[in-house]
Amino acid sequence: MPDVVLRPAKASDAADIARILRAALAAFDWMPQMHTPDEDLRFVRHVLLAKQHVTVATVEGKIVGFVAVRNEWIEQLYLDPAWNGRGIGNRLLRHVTVGMTHVKLFCFQANKGARRFYEREGFVAEAFGEGSANEEGLPDMLYVRHNMPAAEANSLQG
């Protein structure tokens, strides 16, 4: 596989991030189509890039995935569906959670692939919702992972 480069997102990445978001969500047959491509782009520009820390994964200069973080929350983590299963999501997740003592995220219950991924990464389901708290109206779940502080992890290795 070609080298994957992680870097902070720039304003000029908005269209590529919106494209990946749309493609990833469209790959789920259970996900309702909630927004137009223009609305997705506005969301990326005015919410993700304006209010969250976004990291993109690139291969040969092309954006193939992204993760958006706000405080201890993973707000979004999506890959171009053609790049799933290659360890890129794992790299993005680990990159943005270094130094965090706990991490939270919501995941749709129907997203079995994401659930397996997060559980492999040490996340534990702490709450289940029936869908009233998200715009899609789909049952979701709250995942939490408590990380060992770096100093403590280093002392255990030594």
Protein backbone atom coordinates (compact mmCIF):
# COMPACT_ATOMS: atom_id res chain seq x y z
CA MET A 1 0.00 0.00 0.00
CA PRO A 2 1.27 3.51 -0.74
CA ASP A 3 2.29 5.69 2.19
CA VAL A 4 -0.53 7.24 4.18
CA VAL A 5 0.14 10.78 5.39
CA LEU A 6 -1.89 12.33 8.21
CA ARG A 7 -2.09 16.11 8.35
CA PRO A 8 -4.33 18.86 9.70
CA ALA A 9 -7.19 19.72 7.36
CA LYS A 10 -7.16 23.02 5.50
CA ALA A 11 -10.09 25.10 4.27
CA SER A 12 -9.23 24.02 0.74
CA ASP A 13 -9.93 20.38 1.76
CA ALA A 14 -13.63 21.03 2.38
CA ALA A 15 -14.92 19.63 -0.93
CA ASP A 16 -12.88 16.43 -0.59
CA ILE A 17 -14.01 15.93 3.01
CA ALA A 18 -17.65 16.48 2.01
CA ARG A 19 -17.24 14.00 -0.85
CA ILE A 20 -15.87 11.35 1.51
CA LEU A 21 -18.62 12.00 4.07
CA ARG A 22 -21.29 11.59 1.40
CA ALA A 23 -19.72 8.45 -0.12
CA ALA A 24 -19.25 6.80 3.29
CA LEU A 25 -22.84 7.45 4.35
CA ALA A 26 -24.23 6.39 0.96
CA ALA A 27 -22.48 3.02 1.37
CA PHE A 28 -24.89 2.12 4.19
CA ASP A 29 -28.22 0.77 2.94
CA TRP A 30 -29.81 1.56 6.33
CA MET A 31 -28.76 5.23 6.36
CA PRO A 32 -31.38 7.75 5.20
CA GLN A 33 -30.12 10.45 2.82
CA MET A 34 -30.52 13.54 5.00
CA HIS A 35 -28.73 16.29 3.09
CA THR A 36 -27.84 17.48 -0.38
CA PRO A 37 -24.20 17.66 -1.51
CA ASP A 38 -24.31 21.45 -1.04
CA GLU A 39 -25.57 21.03 2.53
CA ASP A 40 -22.79 18.52 3.21
CA LEU A 41 -20.22 21.05 1.97
CA ARG A 42 -21.69 23.82 4.15
CA PHE A 43 -21.58 21.45 7.16
CA VAL A 44 -17.92 20.67 6.50
CA ARG A 45 -16.99 24.35 6.07
CA HIS A 46 -19.05 25.85 8.89
CA VAL A 47 -19.06 23.09 11.50
CA LEU A 48 -16.25 20.60 11.01
CA LEU A 49 -13.50 22.92 9.83
CA ALA A 50 -14.70 25.93 11.84
CA LYS A 51 -15.43 24.31 15.21
CA GLN A 52 -13.52 21.03 15.36
CA HIS A 53 -9.99 19.77 14.92
CA VAL A 54 -9.96 17.82 11.65
CA THR A 55 -7.17 15.52 10.49
CA VAL A 56 -7.12 14.07 6.99
CA ALA A 57 -5.44 10.94 5.71
CA THR A 58 -3.89 11.27 2.27
CA VAL A 59 -2.44 8.74 -0.16
CA GLU A 60 -0.32 10.18 -2.95
CA GLY A 61 -1.79 13.61 -2.17
CA LYS A 62 -5.44 12.48 -2.39
CA ILE A 63 -7.62 12.66 0.73
CA VAL A 64 -8.98 9.19 1.52
CA GLY A 65 -10.35 9.74 5.04
CA PHE A 66 -10.77 12.15 7.91
CA VAL A 67 -11.46 12.39 11.61
CA ALA A 68 -12.99 15.37 13.44
CA VAL A 69 -12.45 15.87 17.18
CA ARG A 70 -13.96 18.31 19.67
CA ASN A 71 -12.61 18.10 23.21
CA GLU A 72 -12.87 14.42 24.23
CA TRP A 73 -15.35 13.60 21.45
CA ILE A 74 -14.68 11.89 18.14
CA GLU A 75 -17.35 13.72 16.15
CA GLN A 76 -16.74 12.11 12.75
CA LEU A 77 -14.46 9.40 11.41
CA TYR A 78 -15.04 8.40 7.79
CA LEU A 79 -13.06 6.85 4.97
CA ASP A 80 -13.67 6.72 1.28
CA PRO A 81 -15.32 3.25 1.06
CA ALA A 82 -12.65 2.11 -1.42
CA TRP A 83 -10.06 2.55 1.35
CA ASN A 84 -11.80 0.64 4.16
CA GLY A 85 -9.96 -2.26 5.75
CA ARG A 86 -6.43 -0.94 5.19
CA GLY A 87 -5.65 0.37 8.69
CA ILE A 88 -6.24 4.03 7.85
CA GLY A 89 -9.12 4.47 10.30
CA ASN A 90 -6.97 2.91 13.01
CA ARG A 91 -4.13 5.35 12.25
CA LEU A 92 -6.48 8.35 12.28
CA LEU A 93 -8.06 7.27 15.58
CA ARG A 94 -4.75 6.62 17.30
CA HIS A 95 -3.27 9.87 15.99
CA VAL A 96 -6.01 12.08 17.42
CA THR A 97 -6.40 10.25 20.74
CA VAL A 98 -2.74 10.35 21.81
CA GLY A 99 -2.65 12.07 25.18
CA MET A 100 -6.42 11.92 25.76
CA THR A 101 -7.37 10.29 29.07
CA HIS A 102 -10.83 9.38 27.84
CA VAL A 103 -12.54 9.43 24.47
CA LYS A 104 -16.26 9.39 23.61
CA LEU A 105 -18.21 8.89 20.43
CA PHE A 106 -21.63 7.97 19.16
CA CYS A 107 -22.14 5.15 16.68
CA PHE A 108 -25.30 3.93 15.00
CA GLN A 109 -26.32 0.51 16.26
CA ALA A 110 -26.82 -0.64 12.66
CA ASN A 111 -23.18 0.16 11.79
CA LYS A 112 -21.78 -3.26 12.61
CA GLY A 113 -18.44 -2.62 10.92
CA ALA A 114 -17.81 0.55 12.94
CA ARG A 115 -18.92 -1.20 16.13
CA ARG A 116 -16.40 -4.02 15.56
CA PHE A 117 -13.70 -1.44 14.79
CA TYR A 118 -14.31 0.64 17.93
CA GLU A 119 -14.59 -2.42 20.16
CA ARG A 120 -11.26 -3.73 18.80
CA GLU A 121 -9.81 -0.32 19.67
CA GLY A 122 -10.89 -0.68 23.31
CA PHE A 123 -14.16 1.28 23.30
CA VAL A 124 -16.99 0.04 25.50
CA ALA A 125 -20.68 0.71 24.89
CA GLU A 126 -21.97 2.68 27.88
CA ALA A 127 -25.44 3.74 26.73
CA PHE A 128 -27.95 2.91 24.03
CA GLY A 129 -30.40 5.37 22.47
CA GLU A 130 -33.56 4.79 20.46
CA GLY A 131 -32.81 7.53 17.92
CA SER A 132 -34.56 10.55 19.40
CA ALA A 133 -31.25 12.36 19.98
CA ASN A 134 -30.00 12.28 16.37
CA GLU A 135 -31.41 13.80 13.19
CA GLU A 136 -31.49 10.45 11.39
CA GLY A 137 -33.86 8.98 14.01
CA LEU A 138 -31.74 5.82 14.17
CA PRO A 139 -30.87 3.85 17.31
CA ASP A 140 -27.38 4.76 18.45
CA MET A 141 -24.92 3.98 21.18
CA LEU A 142 -22.39 5.88 23.24
CA TYR A 143 -18.91 4.39 23.21
CA VAL A 144 -16.26 5.39 25.76
CA ARG A 145 -12.61 4.47 26.06
CA HIS A 146 -10.53 5.33 29.10
CA ASN A 147 -6.89 5.68 28.13
CA MET A 148 -3.95 5.27 30.44
CA PRO A 149 -2.09 8.56 30.84
CA ALA A 150 1.16 8.52 28.85
CA ALA A 151 3.35 8.93 31.95
CA GLU A 152 1.70 5.92 33.60
CA ALA A 153 2.01 3.80 30.44
CA ASN A 154 5.71 4.70 30.16
CA SER A 155 6.37 3.74 33.80
CA LEU A 156 4.79 0.31 33.21
CA GLN A 157 7.05 -0.31 30.22
CA GLY A 158 10.23 0.56 32.10
